[in-house]
mmCIF file of all heavy atoms, coordinates in Angstrom:
data_MODEL
# 
_entry.id   MODEL 
# 
loop_
_atom_site.group_PDB 
_atom_site.id 
_atom_site.type_symbol 
_atom_site.label_atom_id 
_atom_site.label_alt_id 
_atom_site.label_comp_id 
_atom_site.label_asym_id 
_atom_site.label_entity_id 
_atom_site.label_seq_id 
_atom_site.pdbx_PDB_ins_code 
_atom_site.Cartn_x 
_atom_site.Cartn_y 
_atom_site.Cartn_z 
_atom_site.occupancy 
_atom_site.B_iso_or_equiv 
_atom_site.pdbx_formal_charge 
_atom_site.auth_seq_id 
_atom_site.auth_comp_id 
_atom_site.auth_asym_id 
_atom_site.auth_atom_id 
_atom_site.pdbx_PDB_model_num 
ATOM 1   N N   . VAL A 1 1  ? 17.513 -13.810 -1.323  1.00 0.00 ? 1  VAL A N   1 
ATOM 2   C CA  . VAL A 1 1  ? 17.427 -14.517 -2.639  1.00 0.00 ? 1  VAL A CA  1 
ATOM 3   C C   . VAL A 1 1  ? 18.794 -15.068 -3.000  1.00 0.00 ? 1  VAL A C   1 
ATOM 4   O O   . VAL A 1 1  ? 19.892 -14.434 -2.642  1.00 0.00 ? 1  VAL A O   1 
ATOM 5   C CB  . VAL A 1 1  ? 16.952 -13.512 -3.698  1.00 0.00 ? 1  VAL A CB  1 
ATOM 6   C CG1 . VAL A 1 1  ? 17.870 -12.406 -4.032  1.00 0.00 ? 1  VAL A CG1 1 
ATOM 7   C CG2 . VAL A 1 1  ? 16.581 -14.289 -4.966  1.00 0.00 ? 1  VAL A CG2 1 
ATOM 8   N N   . PHE A 1 2  ? 18.737 -16.294 -3.431  1.00 0.00 ? 2  PHE A N   1 
ATOM 9   C CA  . PHE A 1 2  ? 19.999 -16.864 -4.126  1.00 0.00 ? 2  PHE A CA  1 
ATOM 10  C C   . PHE A 1 2  ? 19.795 -16.962 -5.586  1.00 0.00 ? 2  PHE A C   1 
ATOM 11  O O   . PHE A 1 2  ? 19.007 -17.666 -6.072  1.00 0.00 ? 2  PHE A O   1 
ATOM 12  C CB  . PHE A 1 2  ? 20.231 -18.231 -3.531  1.00 0.00 ? 2  PHE A CB  1 
ATOM 13  C CG  . PHE A 1 2  ? 21.483 -18.903 -4.063  1.00 0.00 ? 2  PHE A CG  1 
ATOM 14  C CD1 . PHE A 1 2  ? 22.752 -18.557 -3.567  1.00 0.00 ? 2  PHE A CD1 1 
ATOM 15  C CD2 . PHE A 1 2  ? 21.420 -19.736 -5.181  1.00 0.00 ? 2  PHE A CD2 1 
ATOM 16  C CE1 . PHE A 1 2  ? 23.906 -19.210 -4.132  1.00 0.00 ? 2  PHE A CE1 1 
ATOM 17  C CE2 . PHE A 1 2  ? 22.561 -20.352 -5.780  1.00 0.00 ? 2  PHE A CE2 1 
ATOM 18  C CZ  . PHE A 1 2  ? 23.800 -20.148 -5.186  1.00 0.00 ? 2  PHE A CZ  1 
ATOM 19  N N   . VAL A 1 3  ? 20.552 -16.134 -6.291  1.00 0.00 ? 3  VAL A N   1 
ATOM 20  C CA  . VAL A 1 3  ? 20.463 -16.085 -7.736  1.00 0.00 ? 3  VAL A CA  1 
ATOM 21  C C   . VAL A 1 3  ? 21.891 -15.889 -8.315  1.00 0.00 ? 3  VAL A C   1 
ATOM 22  O O   . VAL A 1 3  ? 22.643 -15.156 -7.739  1.00 0.00 ? 3  VAL A O   1 
ATOM 23  C CB  . VAL A 1 3  ? 19.432 -15.128 -8.262  1.00 0.00 ? 3  VAL A CB  1 
ATOM 24  C CG1 . VAL A 1 3  ? 19.955 -13.661 -7.957  1.00 0.00 ? 3  VAL A CG1 1 
ATOM 25  C CG2 . VAL A 1 3  ? 19.141 -15.188 -9.775  1.00 0.00 ? 3  VAL A CG2 1 
ATOM 26  N N   . ILE A 1 4  ? 22.113 -16.426 -9.485  1.00 0.00 ? 4  ILE A N   1 
ATOM 27  C CA  . ILE A 1 4  ? 23.315 -16.217 -10.203 1.00 0.00 ? 4  ILE A CA  1 
ATOM 28  C C   . ILE A 1 4  ? 23.407 -14.945 -11.008 1.00 0.00 ? 4  ILE A C   1 
ATOM 29  O O   . ILE A 1 4  ? 22.491 -14.703 -11.851 1.00 0.00 ? 4  ILE A O   1 
ATOM 30  C CB  . ILE A 1 4  ? 23.713 -17.507 -11.099 1.00 0.00 ? 4  ILE A CB  1 
ATOM 31  C CG1 . ILE A 1 4  ? 23.694 -18.679 -10.184 1.00 0.00 ? 4  ILE A CG1 1 
ATOM 32  C CG2 . ILE A 1 4  ? 25.043 -17.266 -11.664 1.00 0.00 ? 4  ILE A CG2 1 
ATOM 33  C CD1 . ILE A 1 4  ? 24.760 -18.739 -9.034  1.00 0.00 ? 4  ILE A CD1 1 
ATOM 34  N N   . GLY A 1 5  ? 24.361 -14.169 -10.959 1.00 0.00 ? 5  GLY A N   1 
ATOM 35  C CA  . GLY A 1 5  ? 24.485 -12.854 -11.636 1.00 0.00 ? 5  GLY A CA  1 
ATOM 36  C C   . GLY A 1 5  ? 24.984 -13.126 -13.009 1.00 0.00 ? 5  GLY A C   1 
ATOM 37  O O   . GLY A 1 5  ? 25.349 -14.204 -13.371 1.00 0.00 ? 5  GLY A O   1 
ATOM 38  N N   . GLU A 1 6  ? 25.201 -12.049 -13.788 1.00 0.00 ? 6  GLU A N   1 
ATOM 39  C CA  . GLU A 1 6  ? 25.623 -12.139 -15.121 1.00 0.00 ? 6  GLU A CA  1 
ATOM 40  C C   . GLU A 1 6  ? 27.115 -12.642 -15.200 1.00 0.00 ? 6  GLU A C   1 
ATOM 41  O O   . GLU A 1 6  ? 27.502 -13.155 -16.207 1.00 0.00 ? 6  GLU A O   1 
ATOM 42  C CB  . GLU A 1 6  ? 25.641 -10.721 -15.776 1.00 0.00 ? 6  GLU A CB  1 
ATOM 43  C CG  . GLU A 1 6  ? 24.285 -9.933  -15.695 1.00 0.00 ? 6  GLU A CG  1 
ATOM 44  C CD  . GLU A 1 6  ? 23.150 -10.755 -16.327 1.00 0.00 ? 6  GLU A CD  1 
ATOM 45  O OE1 . GLU A 1 6  ? 23.336 -11.788 -17.031 1.00 0.00 ? 6  GLU A OE1 1 
ATOM 46  O OE2 . GLU A 1 6  ? 21.995 -10.376 -16.035 1.00 0.00 ? 6  GLU A OE2 1 
ATOM 47  N N   . ASN A 1 7  ? 27.778 -12.533 -14.094 1.00 0.00 ? 7  ASN A N   1 
ATOM 48  C CA  . ASN A 1 7  ? 29.204 -12.952 -14.142 1.00 0.00 ? 7  ASN A CA  1 
ATOM 49  C C   . ASN A 1 7  ? 29.368 -14.502 -13.736 1.00 0.00 ? 7  ASN A C   1 
ATOM 50  O O   . ASN A 1 7  ? 30.489 -15.009 -13.566 1.00 0.00 ? 7  ASN A O   1 
ATOM 51  C CB  . ASN A 1 7  ? 30.107 -12.178 -13.190 1.00 0.00 ? 7  ASN A CB  1 
ATOM 52  C CG  . ASN A 1 7  ? 29.620 -12.084 -11.768 1.00 0.00 ? 7  ASN A CG  1 
ATOM 53  O OD1 . ASN A 1 7  ? 28.727 -12.949 -11.416 1.00 0.00 ? 7  ASN A OD1 1 
ATOM 54  N ND2 . ASN A 1 7  ? 30.169 -11.204 -10.974 1.00 0.00 ? 7  ASN A ND2 1 
ATOM 55  N N   . GLY A 1 8  ? 28.185 -15.156 -13.503 1.00 0.00 ? 8  GLY A N   1 
ATOM 56  C CA  . GLY A 1 8  ? 28.259 -16.589 -13.179 1.00 0.00 ? 8  GLY A CA  1 
ATOM 57  C C   . GLY A 1 8  ? 28.401 -16.800 -11.751 1.00 0.00 ? 8  GLY A C   1 
ATOM 58  O O   . GLY A 1 8  ? 28.507 -17.983 -11.258 1.00 0.00 ? 8  GLY A O   1 
ATOM 59  N N   . ARG A 1 9  ? 28.391 -15.844 -10.859 1.00 0.00 ? 9  ARG A N   1 
ATOM 60  C CA  . ARG A 1 9  ? 28.597 -15.990 -9.440  1.00 0.00 ? 9  ARG A CA  1 
ATOM 61  C C   . ARG A 1 9  ? 27.316 -15.543 -8.732  1.00 0.00 ? 9  ARG A C   1 
ATOM 62  O O   . ARG A 1 9  ? 26.519 -14.700 -9.250  1.00 0.00 ? 9  ARG A O   1 
ATOM 63  C CB  . ARG A 1 9  ? 29.762 -15.096 -8.993  1.00 0.00 ? 9  ARG A CB  1 
ATOM 64  C CG  . ARG A 1 9  ? 31.062 -15.370 -9.534  1.00 0.00 ? 9  ARG A CG  1 
ATOM 65  C CD  . ARG A 1 9  ? 32.128 -14.400 -9.097  1.00 0.00 ? 9  ARG A CD  1 
ATOM 66  N NE  . ARG A 1 9  ? 33.416 -14.577 -9.725  1.00 0.00 ? 9  ARG A NE  1 
ATOM 67  C CZ  . ARG A 1 9  ? 34.487 -13.869 -9.445  1.00 0.00 ? 9  ARG A CZ  1 
ATOM 68  N NH1 . ARG A 1 9  ? 34.411 -12.930 -8.506  1.00 0.00 ? 9  ARG A NH1 1 
ATOM 69  N NH2 . ARG A 1 9  ? 35.595 -14.152 -10.102 1.00 0.00 ? 9  ARG A NH2 1 
ATOM 70  N N   . PRO A 1 10 ? 26.981 -16.067 -7.482  1.00 0.00 ? 10 PRO A N   1 
ATOM 71  C CA  . PRO A 1 10 ? 25.740 -15.627 -6.888  1.00 0.00 ? 10 PRO A CA  1 
ATOM 72  C C   . PRO A 1 10 ? 25.892 -14.200 -6.517  1.00 0.00 ? 10 PRO A C   1 
ATOM 73  O O   . PRO A 1 10 ? 26.914 -13.664 -6.051  1.00 0.00 ? 10 PRO A O   1 
ATOM 74  C CB  . PRO A 1 10 ? 25.919 -16.507 -5.537  1.00 0.00 ? 10 PRO A CB  1 
ATOM 75  C CG  . PRO A 1 10 ? 26.720 -17.658 -5.858  1.00 0.00 ? 10 PRO A CG  1 
ATOM 76  C CD  . PRO A 1 10 ? 27.771 -17.241 -6.874  1.00 0.00 ? 10 PRO A CD  1 
ATOM 77  N N   . LEU A 1 11 ? 24.715 -13.519 -6.533  1.00 0.00 ? 11 LEU A N   1 
ATOM 78  C CA  . LEU A 1 11 ? 24.641 -12.047 -6.148  1.00 0.00 ? 11 LEU A CA  1 
ATOM 79  C C   . LEU A 1 11 ? 24.883 -12.030 -4.639  1.00 0.00 ? 11 LEU A C   1 
ATOM 80  O O   . LEU A 1 11 ? 24.407 -12.876 -3.903  1.00 0.00 ? 11 LEU A O   1 
ATOM 81  C CB  . LEU A 1 11 ? 23.300 -11.453 -6.418  1.00 0.00 ? 11 LEU A CB  1 
ATOM 82  C CG  . LEU A 1 11 ? 23.016 -11.125 -7.872  1.00 0.00 ? 11 LEU A CG  1 
ATOM 83  C CD1 . LEU A 1 11 ? 21.659 -10.409 -7.882  1.00 0.00 ? 11 LEU A CD1 1 
ATOM 84  C CD2 . LEU A 1 11 ? 24.050 -10.208 -8.474  1.00 0.00 ? 11 LEU A CD2 1 
ATOM 85  N N   . PRO A 1 12 ? 25.809 -11.056 -4.256  1.00 0.00 ? 12 PRO A N   1 
ATOM 86  C CA  . PRO A 1 12 ? 26.074 -10.918 -2.820  1.00 0.00 ? 12 PRO A CA  1 
ATOM 87  C C   . PRO A 1 12 ? 24.896 -10.192 -2.107  1.00 0.00 ? 12 PRO A C   1 
ATOM 88  O O   . PRO A 1 12 ? 24.014 -9.664  -2.718  1.00 0.00 ? 12 PRO A O   1 
ATOM 89  C CB  . PRO A 1 12 ? 27.309 -10.019 -2.759  1.00 0.00 ? 12 PRO A CB  1 
ATOM 90  C CG  . PRO A 1 12 ? 27.216 -9.157  -3.997  1.00 0.00 ? 12 PRO A CG  1 
ATOM 91  C CD  . PRO A 1 12 ? 26.670 -10.178 -4.990  1.00 0.00 ? 12 PRO A CD  1 
ATOM 92  N N   . MET A 1 13 ? 24.884 -10.388 -0.748  1.00 0.00 ? 13 MET A N   1 
ATOM 93  C CA  . MET A 1 13 ? 23.890 -9.609  -0.011  1.00 0.00 ? 13 MET A CA  1 
ATOM 94  C C   . MET A 1 13 ? 24.258 -8.073  -0.051  1.00 0.00 ? 13 MET A C   1 
ATOM 95  O O   . MET A 1 13 ? 25.319 -7.779  0.569   1.00 0.00 ? 13 MET A O   1 
ATOM 96  C CB  . MET A 1 13 ? 23.724 -10.080 1.412   1.00 0.00 ? 13 MET A CB  1 
ATOM 97  C CG  . MET A 1 13 ? 23.283 -11.570 1.488   1.00 0.00 ? 13 MET A CG  1 
ATOM 98  S SD  . MET A 1 13 ? 23.225 -12.167 3.242   1.00 0.00 ? 13 MET A SD  1 
ATOM 99  C CE  . MET A 1 13 ? 23.029 -13.864 3.054   1.00 0.00 ? 13 MET A CE  1 
ATOM 100 N N   . SER A 1 14 ? 23.457 -7.245  -0.583  1.00 0.00 ? 14 SER A N   1 
ATOM 101 C CA  . SER A 1 14 ? 23.863 -5.898  -0.678  1.00 0.00 ? 14 SER A CA  1 
ATOM 102 C C   . SER A 1 14 ? 22.645 -4.998  -1.098  1.00 0.00 ? 14 SER A C   1 
ATOM 103 O O   . SER A 1 14 ? 21.625 -5.581  -1.572  1.00 0.00 ? 14 SER A O   1 
ATOM 104 C CB  . SER A 1 14 ? 24.981 -5.551  -1.724  1.00 0.00 ? 14 SER A CB  1 
ATOM 105 O OG  . SER A 1 14 ? 24.505 -5.945  -2.999  1.00 0.00 ? 14 SER A OG  1 
ATOM 106 N N   . CYS A 1 15 ? 22.748 -3.725  -0.953  1.00 0.00 ? 15 CYS A N   1 
ATOM 107 C CA  . CYS A 1 15 ? 21.760 -2.913  -1.473  1.00 0.00 ? 15 CYS A CA  1 
ATOM 108 C C   . CYS A 1 15 ? 21.544 -2.892  -3.017  1.00 0.00 ? 15 CYS A C   1 
ATOM 109 O O   . CYS A 1 15 ? 20.518 -2.813  -3.486  1.00 0.00 ? 15 CYS A O   1 
ATOM 110 C CB  . CYS A 1 15 ? 21.956 -1.328  -0.943  1.00 0.00 ? 15 CYS A CB  1 
ATOM 111 S SG  . CYS A 1 15 ? 20.710 -0.185  -1.371  1.00 0.00 ? 15 CYS A SG  1 
ATOM 112 N N   . ALA A 1 16 ? 22.708 -2.983  -3.661  1.00 0.00 ? 16 ALA A N   1 
ATOM 113 C CA  . ALA A 1 16 ? 22.581 -3.132  -5.139  1.00 0.00 ? 16 ALA A CA  1 
ATOM 114 C C   . ALA A 1 16 ? 21.795 -4.363  -5.537  1.00 0.00 ? 16 ALA A C   1 
ATOM 115 O O   . ALA A 1 16 ? 21.016 -4.390  -6.420  1.00 0.00 ? 16 ALA A O   1 
ATOM 116 C CB  . ALA A 1 16 ? 24.039 -3.175  -5.706  1.00 0.00 ? 16 ALA A CB  1 
ATOM 117 N N   . SER A 1 17 ? 22.069 -5.440  -4.843  1.00 0.00 ? 17 SER A N   1 
ATOM 118 C CA  . SER A 1 17 ? 21.167 -6.709  -5.080  1.00 0.00 ? 17 SER A CA  1 
ATOM 119 C C   . SER A 1 17 ? 19.788 -6.536  -4.785  1.00 0.00 ? 17 SER A C   1 
ATOM 120 O O   . SER A 1 17 ? 18.951 -7.013  -5.527  1.00 0.00 ? 17 SER A O   1 
ATOM 121 C CB  . SER A 1 17 ? 21.808 -7.934  -4.297  1.00 0.00 ? 17 SER A CB  1 
ATOM 122 O OG  . SER A 1 17 ? 23.092 -8.224  -4.718  1.00 0.00 ? 17 SER A OG  1 
ATOM 123 N N   . ALA A 1 18 ? 19.462 -5.721  -3.815  1.00 0.00 ? 18 ALA A N   1 
ATOM 124 C CA  . ALA A 1 18 ? 18.107 -5.498  -3.526  1.00 0.00 ? 18 ALA A CA  1 
ATOM 125 C C   . ALA A 1 18 ? 17.442 -4.762  -4.608  1.00 0.00 ? 18 ALA A C   1 
ATOM 126 O O   . ALA A 1 18 ? 16.340 -4.982  -5.069  1.00 0.00 ? 18 ALA A O   1 
ATOM 127 C CB  . ALA A 1 18 ? 17.955 -4.628  -2.202  1.00 0.00 ? 18 ALA A CB  1 
ATOM 128 N N   . GLY A 1 19 ? 18.157 -3.862  -5.273  1.00 0.00 ? 19 GLY A N   1 
ATOM 129 C CA  . GLY A 1 19 ? 17.588 -3.253  -6.439  1.00 0.00 ? 19 GLY A CA  1 
ATOM 130 C C   . GLY A 1 19 ? 17.368 -4.018  -7.656  1.00 0.00 ? 19 GLY A C   1 
ATOM 131 O O   . GLY A 1 19 ? 16.323 -4.141  -8.262  1.00 0.00 ? 19 GLY A O   1 
ATOM 132 N N   . PHE A 1 20 ? 18.429 -4.821  -7.928  1.00 0.00 ? 20 PHE A N   1 
ATOM 133 C CA  . PHE A 1 20 ? 18.379 -5.772  -9.168  1.00 0.00 ? 20 PHE A CA  1 
ATOM 134 C C   . PHE A 1 20 ? 17.131 -6.734  -8.961  1.00 0.00 ? 20 PHE A C   1 
ATOM 135 O O   . PHE A 1 20 ? 16.345 -6.907  -9.824  1.00 0.00 ? 20 PHE A O   1 
ATOM 136 C CB  . PHE A 1 20 ? 19.604 -6.535  -9.316  1.00 0.00 ? 20 PHE A CB  1 
ATOM 137 C CG  . PHE A 1 20 ? 20.897 -5.677  -9.473  1.00 0.00 ? 20 PHE A CG  1 
ATOM 138 C CD1 . PHE A 1 20 ? 22.121 -6.135  -9.142  1.00 0.00 ? 20 PHE A CD1 1 
ATOM 139 C CD2 . PHE A 1 20 ? 20.746 -4.472  -10.208 1.00 0.00 ? 20 PHE A CD2 1 
ATOM 140 C CE1 . PHE A 1 20 ? 23.260 -5.360  -9.295  1.00 0.00 ? 20 PHE A CE1 1 
ATOM 141 C CE2 . PHE A 1 20 ? 21.953 -3.708  -10.353 1.00 0.00 ? 20 PHE A CE2 1 
ATOM 142 C CZ  . PHE A 1 20 ? 23.182 -4.104  -9.910  1.00 0.00 ? 20 PHE A CZ  1 
ATOM 143 N N   . THR A 1 21 ? 17.164 -7.378  -7.847  1.00 0.00 ? 21 THR A N   1 
ATOM 144 C CA  . THR A 1 21 ? 16.193 -8.483  -7.622  1.00 0.00 ? 21 THR A CA  1 
ATOM 145 C C   . THR A 1 21 ? 14.808 -7.941  -7.376  1.00 0.00 ? 21 THR A C   1 
ATOM 146 O O   . THR A 1 21 ? 13.868 -8.535  -7.830  1.00 0.00 ? 21 THR A O   1 
ATOM 147 C CB  . THR A 1 21 ? 16.641 -9.334  -6.369  1.00 0.00 ? 21 THR A CB  1 
ATOM 148 O OG1 . THR A 1 21 ? 16.784 -8.493  -5.267  1.00 0.00 ? 21 THR A OG1 1 
ATOM 149 C CG2 . THR A 1 21 ? 18.032 -10.020 -6.638  1.00 0.00 ? 21 THR A CG2 1 
ATOM 150 N N   . GLY A 1 22 ? 14.741 -6.791  -6.767  1.00 0.00 ? 22 GLY A N   1 
ATOM 151 C CA  . GLY A 1 22 ? 13.425 -6.157  -6.519  1.00 0.00 ? 22 GLY A CA  1 
ATOM 152 C C   . GLY A 1 22 ? 12.846 -5.799  -7.910  1.00 0.00 ? 22 GLY A C   1 
ATOM 153 O O   . GLY A 1 22 ? 11.630 -5.983  -8.110  1.00 0.00 ? 22 GLY A O   1 
ATOM 154 N N   . MET A 1 23 ? 13.626 -5.235  -8.867  1.00 0.00 ? 23 MET A N   1 
ATOM 155 C CA  . MET A 1 23 ? 13.000 -4.809  -10.106 1.00 0.00 ? 23 MET A CA  1 
ATOM 156 C C   . MET A 1 23 ? 12.631 -6.079  -10.932 1.00 0.00 ? 23 MET A C   1 
ATOM 157 O O   . MET A 1 23 ? 11.509 -6.057  -11.529 1.00 0.00 ? 23 MET A O   1 
ATOM 158 C CB  . MET A 1 23 ? 14.045 -4.042  -10.895 1.00 0.00 ? 23 MET A CB  1 
ATOM 159 C CG  . MET A 1 23 ? 14.233 -2.667  -10.388 1.00 0.00 ? 23 MET A CG  1 
ATOM 160 S SD  . MET A 1 23 ? 15.284 -1.551  -11.520 1.00 0.00 ? 23 MET A SD  1 
ATOM 161 C CE  . MET A 1 23 ? 16.915 -2.245  -11.060 1.00 0.00 ? 23 MET A CE  1 
ATOM 162 N N   . GLN A 1 24 ? 13.330 -7.103  -10.846 1.00 0.00 ? 24 GLN A N   1 
ATOM 163 C CA  . GLN A 1 24 ? 12.993 -8.257  -11.536 1.00 0.00 ? 24 GLN A CA  1 
ATOM 164 C C   . GLN A 1 24 ? 11.823 -9.038  -10.931 1.00 0.00 ? 24 GLN A C   1 
ATOM 165 O O   . GLN A 1 24 ? 10.929 -9.435  -11.683 1.00 0.00 ? 24 GLN A O   1 
ATOM 166 C CB  . GLN A 1 24 ? 14.156 -9.325  -11.584 1.00 0.00 ? 24 GLN A CB  1 
ATOM 167 C CG  . GLN A 1 24 ? 13.964 -10.500 -12.442 1.00 0.00 ? 24 GLN A CG  1 
ATOM 168 C CD  . GLN A 1 24 ? 13.775 -10.138 -13.889 1.00 0.00 ? 24 GLN A CD  1 
ATOM 169 O OE1 . GLN A 1 24 ? 14.812 -9.878  -14.517 1.00 0.00 ? 24 GLN A OE1 1 
ATOM 170 N NE2 . GLN A 1 24 ? 12.541 -10.152 -14.337 1.00 0.00 ? 24 GLN A NE2 1 
ATOM 171 N N   . ALA A 1 25 ? 11.738 -9.070  -9.572  1.00 0.00 ? 25 ALA A N   1 
ATOM 172 C CA  . ALA A 1 25 ? 10.596 -9.701  -8.946  1.00 0.00 ? 25 ALA A CA  1 
ATOM 173 C C   . ALA A 1 25 ? 9.259  -8.974  -9.233  1.00 0.00 ? 25 ALA A C   1 
ATOM 174 O O   . ALA A 1 25 ? 8.291  -9.586  -9.502  1.00 0.00 ? 25 ALA A O   1 
ATOM 175 C CB  . ALA A 1 25 ? 10.761 -9.708  -7.442  1.00 0.00 ? 25 ALA A CB  1 
ATOM 176 N N   . THR A 1 26 ? 9.278  -7.578  -9.229  1.00 0.00 ? 26 THR A N   1 
ATOM 177 C CA  . THR A 1 26 ? 8.105  -6.888  -9.536  1.00 0.00 ? 26 THR A CA  1 
ATOM 178 C C   . THR A 1 26 ? 7.661  -7.021  -10.934 1.00 0.00 ? 26 THR A C   1 
ATOM 179 O O   . THR A 1 26 ? 6.499  -7.221  -11.191 1.00 0.00 ? 26 THR A O   1 
ATOM 180 C CB  . THR A 1 26 ? 8.291  -5.422  -9.084  1.00 0.00 ? 26 THR A CB  1 
ATOM 181 O OG1 . THR A 1 26 ? 9.355  -4.930  -9.750  1.00 0.00 ? 26 THR A OG1 1 
ATOM 182 C CG2 . THR A 1 26 ? 8.353  -5.309  -7.702  1.00 0.00 ? 26 THR A CG2 1 
ATOM 183 N N   . ALA A 1 27 ? 8.673  -7.140  -11.757 1.00 0.00 ? 27 ALA A N   1 
ATOM 184 C CA  . ALA A 1 27 ? 8.296  -7.323  -13.318 1.00 0.00 ? 27 ALA A CA  1 
ATOM 185 C C   . ALA A 1 27 ? 7.688  -8.558  -13.459 1.00 0.00 ? 27 ALA A C   1 
ATOM 186 O O   . ALA A 1 27 ? 6.670  -8.754  -14.219 1.00 0.00 ? 27 ALA A O   1 
ATOM 187 C CB  . ALA A 1 27 ? 9.653  -7.203  -14.049 1.00 0.00 ? 27 ALA A CB  1 
ATOM 188 N N   . ALA A 1 28 ? 8.221  -9.700  -12.730 1.00 0.00 ? 28 ALA A N   1 
ATOM 189 C CA  . ALA A 1 28 ? 7.622  -10.979 -12.908 1.00 0.00 ? 28 ALA A CA  1 
ATOM 190 C C   . ALA A 1 28 ? 6.149  -11.087 -12.319 1.00 0.00 ? 28 ALA A C   1 
ATOM 191 O O   . ALA A 1 28 ? 5.305  -11.689 -12.931 1.00 0.00 ? 28 ALA A O   1 
ATOM 192 C CB  . ALA A 1 28 ? 8.489  -12.106 -12.226 1.00 0.00 ? 28 ALA A CB  1 
ATOM 193 N N   . ILE A 1 29 ? 6.018  -10.470 -11.172 1.00 0.00 ? 29 ILE A N   1 
ATOM 194 C CA  . ILE A 1 29 ? 4.733  -10.386 -10.582 1.00 0.00 ? 29 ILE A CA  1 
ATOM 195 C C   . ILE A 1 29 ? 3.673  -9.855  -11.483 1.00 0.00 ? 29 ILE A C   1 
ATOM 196 O O   . ILE A 1 29 ? 2.600  -10.343 -11.683 1.00 0.00 ? 29 ILE A O   1 
ATOM 197 C CB  . ILE A 1 29 ? 4.698  -9.821  -9.201  1.00 0.00 ? 29 ILE A CB  1 
ATOM 198 C CG1 . ILE A 1 29 ? 5.518  -10.563 -8.139  1.00 0.00 ? 29 ILE A CG1 1 
ATOM 199 C CG2 . ILE A 1 29 ? 3.298  -9.606  -8.664  1.00 0.00 ? 29 ILE A CG2 1 
ATOM 200 C CD1 . ILE A 1 29 ? 5.666  -9.982  -6.810  1.00 0.00 ? 29 ILE A CD1 1 
# 
């Protein structure tokens, strides 16, 4: 996923990003 974080920068590829984006994606679904 390419998404801008709260600091205005793209989220890096990482386990933490997997958690953030996963929680948001499931909430949206």
